[in-house]
Amino acid sequence: MKKLYSSITGIDRGTVPMFSDFEDDGEMWAGKGDREKRVAVTFSEAFKSPPAVFVTLEMLDLHNETSYRVVTASENVTETGFDLVFRTWSDTRIARANCAWMAIGEVAADDDWDIDTGS
């Protein structure tokens, strides 16, 4: 469990168009086996520590003659952003995908002190 020690909690969110591989026979549409797309996401402002990040599918356009195999994840989460990851495998054919995300964590208050120790 992530415990928040701040009286100020920030929530940031967004939508990411992951890919559109149908038009140009990209790897998610024409490929087979393990495939992955990554998009670097930057938060609108920095959190005090790495936030909890939730990722979900917002739009998925699949071929109707293959099995549906999809994983979405957030990886490499820092105070300023994360990698949004979309994975598939085997014979799954995906034309397009969009993902939505939400980050929740501690943020600095406007009146927080930033003491420079001069070191």
PDB file of N, CA and C in Angstrom:
ATOM      1  N   MET A   1       0.835  -1.172   0.000  1.00  0.00           N
ATOM      2  CA  MET A   1       0.000   0.000   0.000  1.00  0.00           C
ATOM      3  C   MET A   1       0.883   1.239   0.000  1.00  0.00           C
ATOM      4  N   LYS A   2       0.533   2.194  -0.824  1.00  0.00           N
ATOM      5  CA  LYS A   2       1.237   3.465  -0.850  1.00  0.00           C
ATOM      6  C   LYS A   2       0.570   4.389   0.151  1.00  0.00           C
ATOM      7  N   LYS A   3       1.337   4.906   1.110  1.00  0.00           N
ATOM      8  CA  LYS A   3       0.803   5.823   2.115  1.00  0.00           C
ATOM      9  C   LYS A   3       1.215   7.239   1.744  1.00  0.00           C
ATOM     10  N   LEU A   4       0.272   8.157   1.797  1.00  0.00           N
ATOM     11  CA  LEU A   4       0.519   9.555   1.474  1.00  0.00           C
ATOM     12  C   LEU A   4       0.723  10.326   2.765  1.00  0.00           C
ATOM     13  N   TYR A   5       1.857  11.011   2.884  1.00  0.00           N
ATOM     14  CA  TYR A   5       2.188  11.755   4.099  1.00  0.00           C
ATOM     15  C   TYR A   5       1.947  13.245   3.933  1.00  0.00           C
ATOM     16  N   SER A   6       1.373  13.623   2.848  1.00  0.00           N
ATOM     17  CA  SER A   6       1.128  15.024   2.560  1.00  0.00           C
ATOM     18  C   SER A   6      -0.347  15.342   2.756  1.00  0.00           C
ATOM     19  N   SER A   7      -0.615  16.577   3.092  1.00  0.00           N
ATOM     20  CA  SER A   7      -2.014  16.983   3.167  1.00  0.00           C
ATOM     21  C   SER A   7      -2.536  17.356   1.782  1.00  0.00           C
ATOM     22  N   ILE A   8      -1.641  17.387   0.806  1.00  0.00           N
ATOM     23  CA  ILE A   8      -2.030  17.731  -0.556  1.00  0.00           C
ATOM     24  C   ILE A   8      -1.835  16.507  -1.447  1.00  0.00           C
ATOM     25  N   THR A   9      -2.924  16.021  -2.034  1.00  0.00           N
ATOM     26  CA  THR A   9      -2.874  14.891  -2.948  1.00  0.00           C
ATOM     27  C   THR A   9      -3.202  15.392  -4.347  1.00  0.00           C
ATOM     28  N   GLY A  10      -2.379  15.004  -5.313  1.00  0.00           N
ATOM     29  CA  GLY A  10      -2.597  15.407  -6.692  1.00  0.00           C
ATOM     30  C   GLY A  10      -3.096  14.240  -7.529  1.00  0.00           C
ATOM     31  N   ILE A  11      -3.971  14.556  -8.476  1.00  0.00           N
ATOM     32  CA  ILE A  11      -4.457  13.574  -9.436  1.00  0.00           C
ATOM     33  C   ILE A  11      -4.228  14.164 -10.814  1.00  0.00           C
ATOM     34  N   ASP A  12      -3.516  13.421 -11.645  1.00  0.00           N
ATOM     35  CA  ASP A  12      -3.274  13.832 -13.026  1.00  0.00           C
ATOM     36  C   ASP A  12      -3.813  12.717 -13.904  1.00  0.00           C
ATOM     37  N   ARG A  13      -4.247  13.040 -15.109  1.00  0.00           N
ATOM     38  CA  ARG A  13      -4.780  12.007 -15.987  1.00  0.00           C
ATOM     39  C   ARG A  13      -4.622  12.411 -17.438  1.00  0.00           C
ATOM     40  N   GLY A  14      -4.771  11.432 -18.320  1.00  0.00           N
ATOM     41  CA  GLY A  14      -4.656  11.725 -19.735  1.00  0.00           C
ATOM     42  C   GLY A  14      -5.022  10.532 -20.600  1.00  0.00           C
ATOM     43  N   THR A  15      -5.026  10.775 -21.894  1.00  0.00           N
ATOM     44  CA  THR A  15      -5.291   9.748 -22.901  1.00  0.00           C
ATOM     45  C   THR A  15      -4.127   9.729 -23.867  1.00  0.00           C
ATOM     46  N   VAL A  16      -3.702   8.536 -24.258  1.00  0.00           N
ATOM     47  CA  VAL A  16      -2.560   8.380 -25.148  1.00  0.00           C
ATOM     48  C   VAL A  16      -2.965   7.530 -26.346  1.00  0.00           C
ATOM     49  N   PRO A  17      -2.850   8.073 -27.568  1.00  0.00           N
ATOM     50  CA  PRO A  17      -3.019   7.220 -28.746  1.00  0.00           C
ATOM     51  C   PRO A  17      -1.759   6.357 -28.883  1.00  0.00           C
ATOM     52  N   MET A  18      -1.886   5.063 -28.618  1.00  0.00           N
ATOM     53  CA  MET A  18      -0.718   4.171 -28.588  1.00  0.00           C
ATOM     54  C   MET A  18      -0.178   3.881 -29.988  1.00  0.00           C
ATOM     55  N   PHE A  19      -1.055   3.553 -30.916  1.00  0.00           N
ATOM     56  CA  PHE A  19      -0.619   3.258 -32.284  1.00  0.00           C
ATOM     57  C   PHE A  19      -1.841   3.141 -33.185  1.00  0.00           C
ATOM     58  N   SER A  20      -1.581   3.233 -34.492  1.00  0.00           N
ATOM     59  CA  SER A  20      -2.564   2.965 -35.535  1.00  0.00           C
ATOM     60  C   SER A  20      -1.810   2.221 -36.628  1.00  0.00           C
ATOM     61  N   ASP A  21      -1.792   0.893 -36.541  1.00  0.00           N
ATOM     62  CA  ASP A  21      -0.936   0.075 -37.411  1.00  0.00           C
ATOM     63  C   ASP A  21      -1.653  -0.527 -38.604  1.00  0.00           C
ATOM     64  N   PHE A  22      -2.946  -0.299 -38.735  1.00  0.00           N
ATOM     65  CA  PHE A  22      -3.704  -0.906 -39.821  1.00  0.00           C
ATOM     66  C   PHE A  22      -3.307  -0.350 -41.193  1.00  0.00           C
ATOM     67  N   GLU A  23      -3.205   0.978 -41.299  1.00  0.00           N
ATOM     68  CA  GLU A  23      -2.960   1.622 -42.595  1.00  0.00           C
ATOM     69  C   GLU A  23      -1.627   1.229 -43.221  1.00  0.00           C
ATOM     70  N   ASP A  24      -0.590   1.046 -42.393  1.00  0.00           N
ATOM     71  CA  ASP A  24       0.747   0.793 -42.944  1.00  0.00           C
ATOM     72  C   ASP A  24       1.285  -0.602 -42.595  1.00  0.00           C
ATOM     73  N   ASP A  25       0.391  -1.531 -42.278  1.00  0.00           N
ATOM     74  CA  ASP A  25       0.796  -2.901 -41.923  1.00  0.00           C
ATOM     75  C   ASP A  25       1.871  -2.914 -40.839  1.00  0.00           C
ATOM     76  N   GLY A  26       1.672  -2.098 -39.804  1.00  0.00           N
ATOM     77  CA  GLY A  26       2.605  -2.048 -38.688  1.00  0.00           C
ATOM     78  C   GLY A  26       2.636  -3.360 -37.921  1.00  0.00           C
ATOM     79  N   GLU A  27       3.583  -3.468 -36.992  1.00  0.00           N
ATOM     80  CA  GLU A  27       3.826  -4.735 -36.306  1.00  0.00           C
ATOM     81  C   GLU A  27       2.645  -5.230 -35.479  1.00  0.00           C
ATOM     82  N   MET A  28       1.841  -4.344 -34.922  1.00  0.00           N
ATOM     83  CA  MET A  28       0.704  -4.797 -34.117  1.00  0.00           C
ATOM     84  C   MET A  28      -0.401  -5.404 -34.989  1.00  0.00           C
ATOM     85  N   TRP A  29      -0.471  -4.971 -36.241  1.00  0.00           N
ATOM     86  CA  TRP A  29      -1.477  -5.484 -37.163  1.00  0.00           C
ATOM     87  C   TRP A  29      -0.953  -6.679 -37.970  1.00  0.00           C
ATOM     88  N   ALA A  30       0.235  -6.572 -38.495  1.00  0.00           N
ATOM     89  CA  ALA A  30       0.757  -7.597 -39.407  1.00  0.00           C
ATOM     90  C   ALA A  30       1.722  -8.574 -38.745  1.00  0.00           C
ATOM     91  N   GLY A  31       2.219  -8.236 -37.555  1.00  0.00           N
ATOM     92  CA  GLY A  31       3.220  -9.076 -36.900  1.00  0.00           C
ATOM     93  C   GLY A  31       2.622 -10.264 -36.169  1.00  0.00           C
ATOM     94  N   LYS A  32       3.509 -11.123 -35.704  1.00  0.00           N
ATOM     95  CA  LYS A  32       3.123 -12.279 -34.888  1.00  0.00           C
ATOM     96  C   LYS A  32       4.112 -12.384 -33.742  1.00  0.00           C
ATOM     97  N   GLY A  33       3.729 -13.119 -32.700  1.00  0.00           N
ATOM     98  CA  GLY A  33       4.617 -13.295 -31.565  1.00  0.00           C
ATOM     99  C   GLY A  33       4.535 -12.135 -30.598  1.00  0.00           C
ATOM    100  N   ASP A  34       5.535 -12.041 -29.727  1.00  0.00           N
ATOM    101  CA  ASP A  34       5.568 -10.979 -28.714  1.00  0.00           C
ATOM    102  C   ASP A  34       5.800  -9.626 -29.380  1.00  0.00           C
ATOM    103  N   ARG A  35       4.931  -8.659 -29.061  1.00  0.00           N
ATOM    104  CA  ARG A  35       5.057  -7.296 -29.585  1.00  0.00           C
ATOM    105  C   ARG A  35       4.743  -6.309 -28.482  1.00  0.00           C
ATOM    106  N   GLU A  36       5.383  -5.155 -28.551  1.00  0.00           N
ATOM    107  CA  GLU A  36       5.219  -4.151 -27.495  1.00  0.00           C
ATOM    108  C   GLU A  36       5.342  -2.755 -28.079  1.00  0.00           C
ATOM    109  N   LYS A  37       4.520  -1.847 -27.581  1.00  0.00           N
ATOM    110  CA  LYS A  37       4.629  -0.411 -27.870  1.00  0.00           C
ATOM    111  C   LYS A  37       4.756   0.307 -26.540  1.00  0.00           C
ATOM    112  N   ARG A  38       5.633   1.328 -26.502  1.00  0.00           N
ATOM    113  CA  ARG A  38       5.848   2.153 -25.312  1.00  0.00           C
ATOM    114  C   ARG A  38       5.704   3.619 -25.676  1.00  0.00           C
ATOM    115  N   VAL A  39       5.082   4.359 -24.773  1.00  0.00           N
ATOM    116  CA  VAL A  39       4.971   5.808 -24.939  1.00  0.00           C
ATOM    117  C   VAL A  39       5.393   6.448 -23.619  1.00  0.00           C
ATOM    118  N   ALA A  40       6.318   7.387 -23.679  1.00  0.00           N
ATOM    119  CA  ALA A  40       6.743   8.131 -22.491  1.00  0.00           C
ATOM    120  C   ALA A  40       5.692   9.195 -22.187  1.00  0.00           C
ATOM    121  N   VAL A  41       5.206   9.202 -20.954  1.00  0.00           N
ATOM    122  CA  VAL A  41       4.195  10.158 -20.509  1.00  0.00           C
ATOM    123  C   VAL A  41       4.841  11.073 -19.468  1.00  0.00           C
ATOM    124  N   THR A  42       4.627  12.381 -19.613  1.00  0.00           N
ATOM    125  CA  THR A  42       5.119  13.364 -18.648  1.00  0.00           C
ATOM    126  C   THR A  42       3.923  13.956 -17.908  1.00  0.00           C
ATOM    127  N   PHE A  43       3.996  13.984 -16.581  1.00  0.00           N
ATOM    128  CA  PHE A  43       2.917  14.563 -15.788  1.00  0.00           C
ATOM    129  C   PHE A  43       2.862  16.072 -16.002  1.00  0.00           C
ATOM    130  N   SER A  44       1.695  16.667 -15.734  1.00  0.00           N
ATOM    131  CA  SER A  44       1.539  18.113 -15.917  1.00  0.00           C
ATOM    132  C   SER A  44       2.360  18.903 -14.902  1.00  0.00           C
ATOM    133  N   GLU A  45       2.638  18.291 -13.740  1.00  0.00           N
ATOM    134  CA  GLU A  45       3.595  18.843 -12.776  1.00  0.00           C
ATOM    135  C   GLU A  45       4.147  17.684 -11.961  1.00  0.00           C
ATOM    136  N   ALA A  46       5.287  17.889 -11.349  1.00  0.00           N
ATOM    137  CA  ALA A  46       5.962  16.808 -10.622  1.00  0.00           C
ATOM    138  C   ALA A  46       5.240  16.468  -9.321  1.00  0.00           C
ATOM    139  N   PHE A  47       5.261  15.190  -8.982  1.00  0.00           N
ATOM    140  CA  PHE A  47       4.802  14.713  -7.682  1.00  0.00           C
ATOM    141  C   PHE A  47       5.984  14.757  -6.720  1.00  0.00           C
ATOM    142  N   LYS A  48       5.738  14.664  -5.408  1.00  0.00           N
ATOM    143  CA  LYS A  48       6.819  14.648  -4.412  1.00  0.00           C
ATOM    144  C   LYS A  48       7.576  13.325  -4.423  1.00  0.00           C
ATOM    145  N   SER A  49       6.898  12.244  -4.764  1.00  0.00           N
ATOM    146  CA  SER A  49       7.487  10.912  -4.878  1.00  0.00           C
ATOM    147  C   SER A  49       6.734  10.204  -6.003  1.00  0.00           C
ATOM    148  N   PRO A  50       7.248   9.083  -6.497  1.00  0.00           N
ATOM    149  CA  PRO A  50       6.539   8.400  -7.589  1.00  0.00           C
ATOM    150  C   PRO A  50       5.092   8.073  -7.190  1.00  0.00           C
ATOM    151  N   PRO A  51       4.126   8.502  -7.993  1.00  0.00           N
ATOM    152  CA  PRO A  51       2.717   8.270  -7.670  1.00  0.00           C
ATOM    153  C   PRO A  51       2.273   6.857  -8.050  1.00  0.00           C
ATOM    154  N   ALA A  52       1.076   6.500  -7.623  1.00  0.00           N
ATOM    155  CA  ALA A  52       0.428   5.280  -8.113  1.00  0.00           C
ATOM    156  C   ALA A  52      -0.166   5.628  -9.483  1.00  0.00           C
ATOM    157  N   VAL A  53       0.094   4.792 -10.470  1.00  0.00           N
ATOM    158  CA  VAL A  53      -0.394   5.051 -11.826  1.00  0.00           C
ATOM    159  C   VAL A  53      -1.278   3.891 -12.268  1.00  0.00           C
ATOM    160  N   PHE A  54      -2.468   4.212 -12.741  1.00  0.00           N
ATOM    161  CA  PHE A  54      -3.418   3.236 -13.251  1.00  0.00           C
ATOM    162  C   PHE A  54      -3.554   3.425 -14.754  1.00  0.00           C
ATOM    163  N   VAL A  55      -3.557   2.324 -15.486  1.00  0.00           N
ATOM    164  CA  VAL A  55      -3.658   2.371 -16.947  1.00  0.00           C
ATOM    165  C   VAL A  55      -4.817   1.480 -17.380  1.00  0.00           C
ATOM    166  N   THR A  56      -5.586   1.943 -18.363  1.00  0.00           N
ATOM    167  CA  THR A  56      -6.682   1.141 -18.902  1.00  0.00           C
ATOM    168  C   THR A  56      -6.810   1.382 -20.403  1.00  0.00           C
ATOM    169  N   LEU A  57      -7.481   0.477 -21.068  1.00  0.00           N
ATOM    170  CA  LEU A  57      -7.766   0.662 -22.488  1.00  0.00           C
ATOM    171  C   LEU A  57      -8.898   1.661 -22.641  1.00  0.00           C
ATOM    172  N   GLU A  58      -8.748   2.584 -23.586  1.00  0.00           N
ATOM    173  CA  GLU A  58      -9.828   3.509 -23.877  1.00  0.00           C
ATOM    174  C   GLU A  58     -10.489   3.157 -25.209  1.00  0.00           C
ATOM    175  N   MET A  59      -9.686   2.673 -26.159  1.00  0.00           N
ATOM    176  CA  MET A  59     -10.208   2.262 -27.451  1.00  0.00           C
ATOM    177  C   MET A  59      -9.331   1.131 -27.963  1.00  0.00           C
ATOM    178  N   LEU A  60      -9.970   0.097 -28.499  1.00  0.00           N
ATOM    179  CA  LEU A  60      -9.244  -1.050 -29.030  1.00  0.00           C
ATOM    180  C   LEU A  60      -9.963  -1.526 -30.282  1.00  0.00           C
ATOM    181  N   ASP A  61      -9.244  -1.577 -31.389  1.00  0.00           N
ATOM    182  CA  ASP A  61      -9.788  -2.008 -32.676  1.00  0.00           C
ATOM    183  C   ASP A  61      -9.046  -3.275 -33.073  1.00  0.00           C
ATOM    184  N   LEU A  62      -9.730  -4.422 -32.991  1.00  0.00           N
ATOM    185  CA  LEU A  62      -9.107  -5.732 -33.188  1.00  0.00           C
ATOM    186  C   LEU A  62      -9.627  -6.428 -34.433  1.00  0.00           C
ATOM    187  N   HIS A  63      -8.805  -7.308 -34.984  1.00  0.00           N
ATOM    188  CA  HIS A  63      -9.236  -8.188 -36.072  1.00  0.00           C
ATOM    189  C   HIS A  63     -10.200  -9.212 -35.482  1.00  0.00           C
ATOM    190  N   ASN A  64     -11.275  -9.511 -36.189  1.00  0.00           N
ATOM    191  CA  ASN A  64     -12.304 -10.387 -35.620  1.00  0.00           C
ATOM    192  C   ASN A  64     -12.020 -11.883 -35.794  1.00  0.00           C
ATOM    193  N   GLU A  65     -10.907 -12.256 -36.417  1.00  0.00           N
ATOM    194  CA  GLU A  65     -10.625 -13.677 -36.627  1.00  0.00           C
ATOM    195  C   GLU A  65      -9.442 -14.188 -35.808  1.00  0.00           C
ATOM    196  N   THR A  66      -8.954 -13.392 -34.873  1.00  0.00           N
ATOM    197  CA  THR A  66      -7.860 -13.835 -34.004  1.00  0.00           C
ATOM    198  C   THR A  66      -8.277 -13.665 -32.548  1.00  0.00           C
ATOM    199  N   SER A  67      -7.568 -14.328 -31.668  1.00  0.00           N
ATOM    200  CA  SER A  67      -7.849 -14.206 -30.235  1.00  0.00           C
ATOM    201  C   SER A  67      -7.386 -12.850 -29.724  1.00  0.00           C
ATOM    202  N   TYR A  68      -8.043 -12.373 -28.670  1.00  0.00           N
ATOM    203  CA  TYR A  68      -7.741 -11.071 -28.093  1.00  0.00           C
ATOM    204  C   TYR A  68      -6.783 -11.252 -26.925  1.00  0.00           C
ATOM    205  N   ARG A  69      -5.550 -10.779 -27.102  1.00  0.00           N
ATOM    206  CA  ARG A  69      -4.529 -10.876 -26.061  1.00  0.00           C
ATOM    207  C   ARG A  69      -3.901  -9.499 -25.892  1.00  0.00           C
ATOM    208  N   VAL A  70      -4.143  -8.865 -24.749  1.00  0.00           N
ATOM    209  CA  VAL A  70      -3.668  -7.499 -24.524  1.00  0.00           C
ATOM    210  C   VAL A  70      -3.276  -7.321 -23.065  1.00  0.00           C
ATOM    211  N   VAL A  71      -2.150  -6.666 -22.843  1.00  0.00           N
ATOM    212  CA  VAL A  71      -1.732  -6.246 -21.507  1.00  0.00           C
ATOM    213  C   VAL A  71      -1.368  -4.771 -21.590  1.00  0.00           C
ATOM    214  N   THR A  72      -1.868  -3.969 -20.645  1.00  0.00           N
ATOM    215  CA  THR A  72      -1.425  -2.578 -20.512  1.00  0.00           C
ATOM    216  C   THR A  72      -0.785  -2.425 -19.144  1.00  0.00           C
ATOM    217  N   ALA A  73       0.238  -1.582 -19.069  1.00  0.00           N
ATOM    218  CA  ALA A  73       0.955  -1.419 -17.803  1.00  0.00           C
ATOM    219  C   ALA A  73       1.629  -0.060 -17.746  1.00  0.00           C
ATOM    220  N   SER A  74       1.937   0.362 -16.515  1.00  0.00           N
ATOM    221  CA  SER A  74       2.794   1.533 -16.302  1.00  0.00           C
ATOM    222  C   SER A  74       4.115   1.002 -15.758  1.00  0.00           C
ATOM    223  N   GLU A  75       5.209   1.459 -16.339  1.00  0.00           N
ATOM    224  CA  GLU A  75       6.537   1.029 -15.902  1.00  0.00           C
ATOM    225  C   GLU A  75       7.439   2.249 -15.765  1.00  0.00           C
ATOM    226  N   ASN A  76       8.503   2.089 -14.993  1.00  0.00           N
ATOM    227  CA  ASN A  76       9.497   3.163 -14.800  1.00  0.00           C
ATOM    228  C   ASN A  76       8.850   4.452 -14.287  1.00  0.00           C
ATOM    229  N   VAL A  77       7.978   4.326 -13.305  1.00  0.00           N
ATOM    230  CA  VAL A  77       7.268   5.493 -12.750  1.00  0.00           C
ATOM    231  C   VAL A  77       8.228   6.325 -11.907  1.00  0.00           C
ATOM    232  N   THR A  78       8.278   7.622 -12.197  1.00  0.00           N
ATOM    233  CA  THR A  78       9.077   8.572 -11.426  1.00  0.00           C
ATOM    234  C   THR A  78       8.170   9.723 -10.991  1.00  0.00           C
ATOM    235  N   GLU A  79       8.740  10.713 -10.336  1.00  0.00           N
ATOM    236  CA  GLU A  79       7.980  11.890  -9.920  1.00  0.00           C
ATOM    237  C   GLU A  79       7.468  12.698 -11.114  1.00  0.00           C
ATOM    238  N   THR A  80       8.116  12.574 -12.270  1.00  0.00           N
ATOM    239  CA  THR A  80       7.775  13.413 -13.415  1.00  0.00           C
ATOM    240  C   THR A  80       7.090  12.683 -14.569  1.00  0.00           C
ATOM    241  N   GLY A  81       7.026  11.352 -14.524  1.00  0.00           N
ATOM    242  CA  GLY A  81       6.374  10.640 -15.617  1.00  0.00           C
ATOM    243  C   GLY A  81       6.539   9.133 -15.523  1.00  0.00           C
ATOM    244  N   PHE A  82       6.171   8.442 -16.593  1.00  0.00           N
ATOM    245  CA  PHE A  82       6.239   6.986 -16.632  1.00  0.00           C
ATOM    246  C   PHE A  82       6.192   6.510 -18.082  1.00  0.00           C
ATOM    247  N   ASP A  83       6.455   5.234 -18.275  1.00  0.00           N
ATOM    248  CA  ASP A  83       6.295   4.596 -19.584  1.00  0.00           C
ATOM    249  C   ASP A  83       4.963   3.875 -19.603  1.00  0.00           C
ATOM    250  N   LEU A  84       4.106   4.221 -20.562  1.00  0.00           N
ATOM    251  CA  LEU A  84       2.855   3.506 -20.764  1.00  0.00           C
ATOM    252  C   LEU A  84       3.162   2.378 -21.748  1.00  0.00           C
ATOM    253  N   VAL A  85       2.868   1.139 -21.364  1.00  0.00           N
ATOM    254  CA  VAL A  85       3.267  -0.035 -22.139  1.00  0.00           C
ATOM    255  C   VAL A  85       2.030  -0.808 -22.583  1.00  0.00           C
ATOM    256  N   PHE A  86       2.033  -1.214 -23.853  1.00  0.00           N
ATOM    257  CA  PHE A  86       0.965  -2.017 -24.446  1.00  0.00           C
ATOM    258  C   PHE A  86       1.629  -3.252 -25.047  1.00  0.00           C
ATOM    259  N   ARG A  87       1.150  -4.445 -24.667  1.00  0.00           N
ATOM    260  CA  ARG A  87       1.747  -5.694 -25.164  1.00  0.00           C
ATOM    261  C   ARG A  87       0.680  -6.618 -25.729  1.00  0.00           C
ATOM    262  N   THR A  88       1.084  -7.380 -26.735  1.00  0.00           N
ATOM    263  CA  THR A  88       0.276  -8.475 -27.252  1.00  0.00           C
ATOM    264  C   THR A  88       1.206  -9.592 -27.678  1.00  0.00           C
ATOM    265  N   TRP A  89       0.653 -10.739 -28.069  1.00  0.00           N
ATOM    266  CA  TRP A  89       1.472 -11.889 -28.443  1.00  0.00           C
ATOM    267  C   TRP A  89       0.664 -12.830 -29.330  1.00  0.00           C
ATOM    268  N   SER A  90       1.328 -13.874 -29.783  1.00  0.00           N
ATOM    269  CA  SER A  90       0.756 -14.915 -30.635  1.00  0.00           C
ATOM    270  C   SER A  90       0.232 -14.303 -31.936  1.00  0.00           C
ATOM    271  N   ASP A  91      -0.985 -14.679 -32.356  1.00  0.00           N
ATOM    272  CA  ASP A  91      -1.506 -14.223 -33.649  1.00  0.00           C
ATOM    273  C   ASP A  91      -2.462 -13.036 -33.535  1.00  0.00           C
ATOM    274  N   THR A  92      -2.571 -12.428 -32.356  1.00  0.00           N
ATOM    275  CA  THR A  92      -3.476 -11.297 -32.165  1.00  0.00           C
ATOM    276  C   THR A  92      -3.131 -10.177 -33.138  1.00  0.00           C
ATOM    277  N   ARG A  93      -4.168  -9.624 -33.787  1.00  0.00           N
ATOM    278  CA  ARG A  93      -3.990  -8.517 -34.742  1.00  0.00           C
ATOM    279  C   ARG A  93      -4.764  -7.310 -34.233  1.00  0.00           C
ATOM    280  N   ILE A  94      -4.024  -6.222 -33.970  1.00  0.00           N
ATOM    281  CA  ILE A  94      -4.636  -5.015 -33.428  1.00  0.00           C
ATOM    282  C   ILE A  94      -4.394  -3.864 -34.391  1.00  0.00           C
ATOM    283  N   ALA A  95      -5.483  -3.258 -34.842  1.00  0.00           N
ATOM    284  CA  ALA A  95      -5.381  -2.150 -35.793  1.00  0.00           C
ATOM    285  C   ALA A  95      -5.002  -0.844 -35.094  1.00  0.00           C
ATOM    286  N   ARG A  96      -5.711  -0.533 -34.003  1.00  0.00           N
ATOM    287  CA  ARG A  96      -5.489   0.734 -33.289  1.00  0.00           C
ATOM    288  C   ARG A  96      -5.752   0.539 -31.812  1.00  0.00           C
ATOM    289  N   ALA A  97      -5.106   1.368 -31.000  1.00  0.00           N
ATOM    290  CA  ALA A  97      -5.360   1.336 -29.559  1.00  0.00           C
ATOM    291  C   ALA A  97      -5.066   2.695 -28.943  1.00  0.00           C
ATOM    292  N   ASN A  98      -5.921   3.091 -28.015  1.00  0.00           N
ATOM    293  CA  ASN A  98      -5.699   4.257 -27.162  1.00  0.00           C
ATOM    294  C   ASN A  98      -5.782   3.794 -25.719  1.00  0.00           C
ATOM    295  N   CYS A  99      -4.965   4.372 -24.862  1.00  0.00           N
ATOM    296  CA  CYS A  99      -5.004   4.054 -23.438  1.00  0.00           C
ATOM    297  C   CYS A  99      -5.264   5.323 -22.640  1.00  0.00           C
ATOM    298  N   ALA A 100      -5.919   5.154 -21.504  1.00  0.00           N
ATOM    299  CA  ALA A 100      -6.126   6.248 -20.559  1.00  0.00           C
ATOM    300  C   ALA A 100      -5.333   5.921 -19.305  1.00  0.00           C
ATOM    301  N   TRP A 101      -4.911   6.959 -18.581  1.00  0.00           N
ATOM    302  CA  TRP A 101      -4.131   6.756 -17.362  1.00  0.00           C
ATOM    303  C   TRP A 101      -4.543   7.770 -16.302  1.00  0.00           C
ATOM    304  N   MET A 102      -4.271   7.393 -15.056  1.00  0.00           N
ATOM    305  CA  MET A 102      -4.489   8.292 -13.926  1.00  0.00           C
ATOM    306  C   MET A 102      -3.363   8.073 -12.920  1.00  0.00           C
ATOM    307  N   ALA A 103      -2.799   9.174 -12.436  1.00  0.00           N
ATOM    308  CA  ALA A 103      -1.744   9.122 -11.422  1.00  0.00           C
ATOM    309  C   ALA A 103      -2.245   9.828 -10.173  1.00  0.00           C
ATOM    310  N   ILE A 104      -2.011   9.192  -9.016  1.00  0.00           N
ATOM    311  CA  ILE A 104      -2.432   9.760  -7.735  1.00  0.00           C
ATOM    312  C   ILE A 104      -1.248   9.719  -6.783  1.00  0.00           C
ATOM    313  N   GLY A 105      -0.914  10.867  -6.197  1.00  0.00           N
ATOM    314  CA  GLY A 105       0.208  10.900  -5.272  1.00  0.00           C
ATOM    315  C   GLY A 105       0.342  12.235  -4.570  1.00  0.00           C
ATOM    316  N   GLU A 106       1.384  12.315  -3.752  1.00  0.00           N
ATOM    317  CA  GLU A 106       1.652  13.532  -2.989  1.00  0.00           C
ATOM    318  C   GLU A 106       2.203  14.626  -3.902  1.00  0.00           C
ATOM    319  N   VAL A 107       1.736  15.838  -3.707  1.00  0.00           N
ATOM    320  CA  VAL A 107       2.269  16.993  -4.430  1.00  0.00           C
ATOM    321  C   VAL A 107       2.630  18.084  -3.425  1.00  0.00           C
ATOM    322  N   ALA A 108       3.504  18.959  -3.849  1.00  0.00           N
ATOM    323  CA  ALA A 108       3.919  20.060  -2.984  1.00  0.00           C
ATOM    324  C   ALA A 108       2.806  21.098  -2.894  1.00  0.00           C
ATOM    325  N   ALA A 109       2.641  21.655  -1.718  1.00  0.00           N
ATOM    326  CA  ALA A 109       1.698  22.755  -1.525  1.00  0.00           C
ATOM    327  C   ALA A 109       2.377  24.052  -1.944  1.00  0.00           C
ATOM    328  N   ASP A 110       1.590  25.048  -2.310  1.00  0.00           N
ATOM    329  CA  ASP A 110       2.137  26.340  -2.735  1.00  0.00           C
ATOM    330  C   ASP A 110       2.997  26.987  -1.659  1.00  0.00           C
ATOM    331  N   ASP A 111       2.676  26.718  -0.396  1.00  0.00           N
ATOM    332  CA  ASP A 111       3.420  27.361   0.687  1.00  0.00           C
ATOM    333  C   ASP A 111       4.482  26.445   1.321  1.00  0.00           C
ATOM    334  N   ASP A 112       4.815  25.307   0.681  1.00  0.00           N
ATOM    335  CA  ASP A 112       5.887  24.448   1.185  1.00  0.00           C
ATOM    336  C   ASP A 112       7.215  25.194   1.112  1.00  0.00           C
ATOM    337  N   TRP A 113       8.074  24.976   2.082  1.00  0.00           N
ATOM    338  CA  TRP A 113       9.380  25.610   2.102  1.00  0.00           C
ATOM    339  C   TRP A 113      10.356  24.720   1.367  1.00  0.00           C
ATOM    340  N   ASP A 114      11.242  25.344   0.623  1.00  0.00           N
ATOM    341  CA  ASP A 114      12.332  24.629  -0.050  1.00  0.00           C
ATOM    342  C   ASP A 114      13.612  25.236   0.494  1.00  0.00           C
ATOM    343  N   ILE A 115      14.225  24.560   1.455  1.00  0.00           N
ATOM    344  CA  ILE A 115      15.402  25.094   2.131  1.00  0.00           C
ATOM    345  C   ILE A 115      16.661  24.614   1.416  1.00  0.00           C
ATOM    346  N   ASP A 116      17.448  25.554   0.928  1.00  0.00           N
ATOM    347  CA  ASP A 116      18.702  25.227   0.264  1.00  0.00           C
ATOM    348  C   ASP A 116      19.797  25.165   1.334  1.00  0.00           C
ATOM    349  N   THR A 117      20.394  23.992   1.494  1.00  0.00           N
ATOM    350  CA  THR A 117      21.408  23.812   2.536  1.00  0.00           C
ATOM    351  C   THR A 117      22.778  24.271   2.070  1.00  0.00           C
ATOM    352  N   GLY A 118      22.901  24.644   0.789  1.00  0.00           N
ATOM    353  CA  GLY A 118      24.177  25.144   0.288  1.00  0.00           C
ATOM    354  C   GLY A 118      25.227  24.072   0.099  1.00  0.00           C
ATOM    355  N   SER A 119      24.852  22.801   0.144  1.00  0.00           N
ATOM    356  CA  SER A 119      25.871  21.746  -0.008  1.00  0.00           C
ATOM    357  C   SER A 119      26.202  21.488  -1.438  1.00  0.00           C
TER     358      SER A 119
END
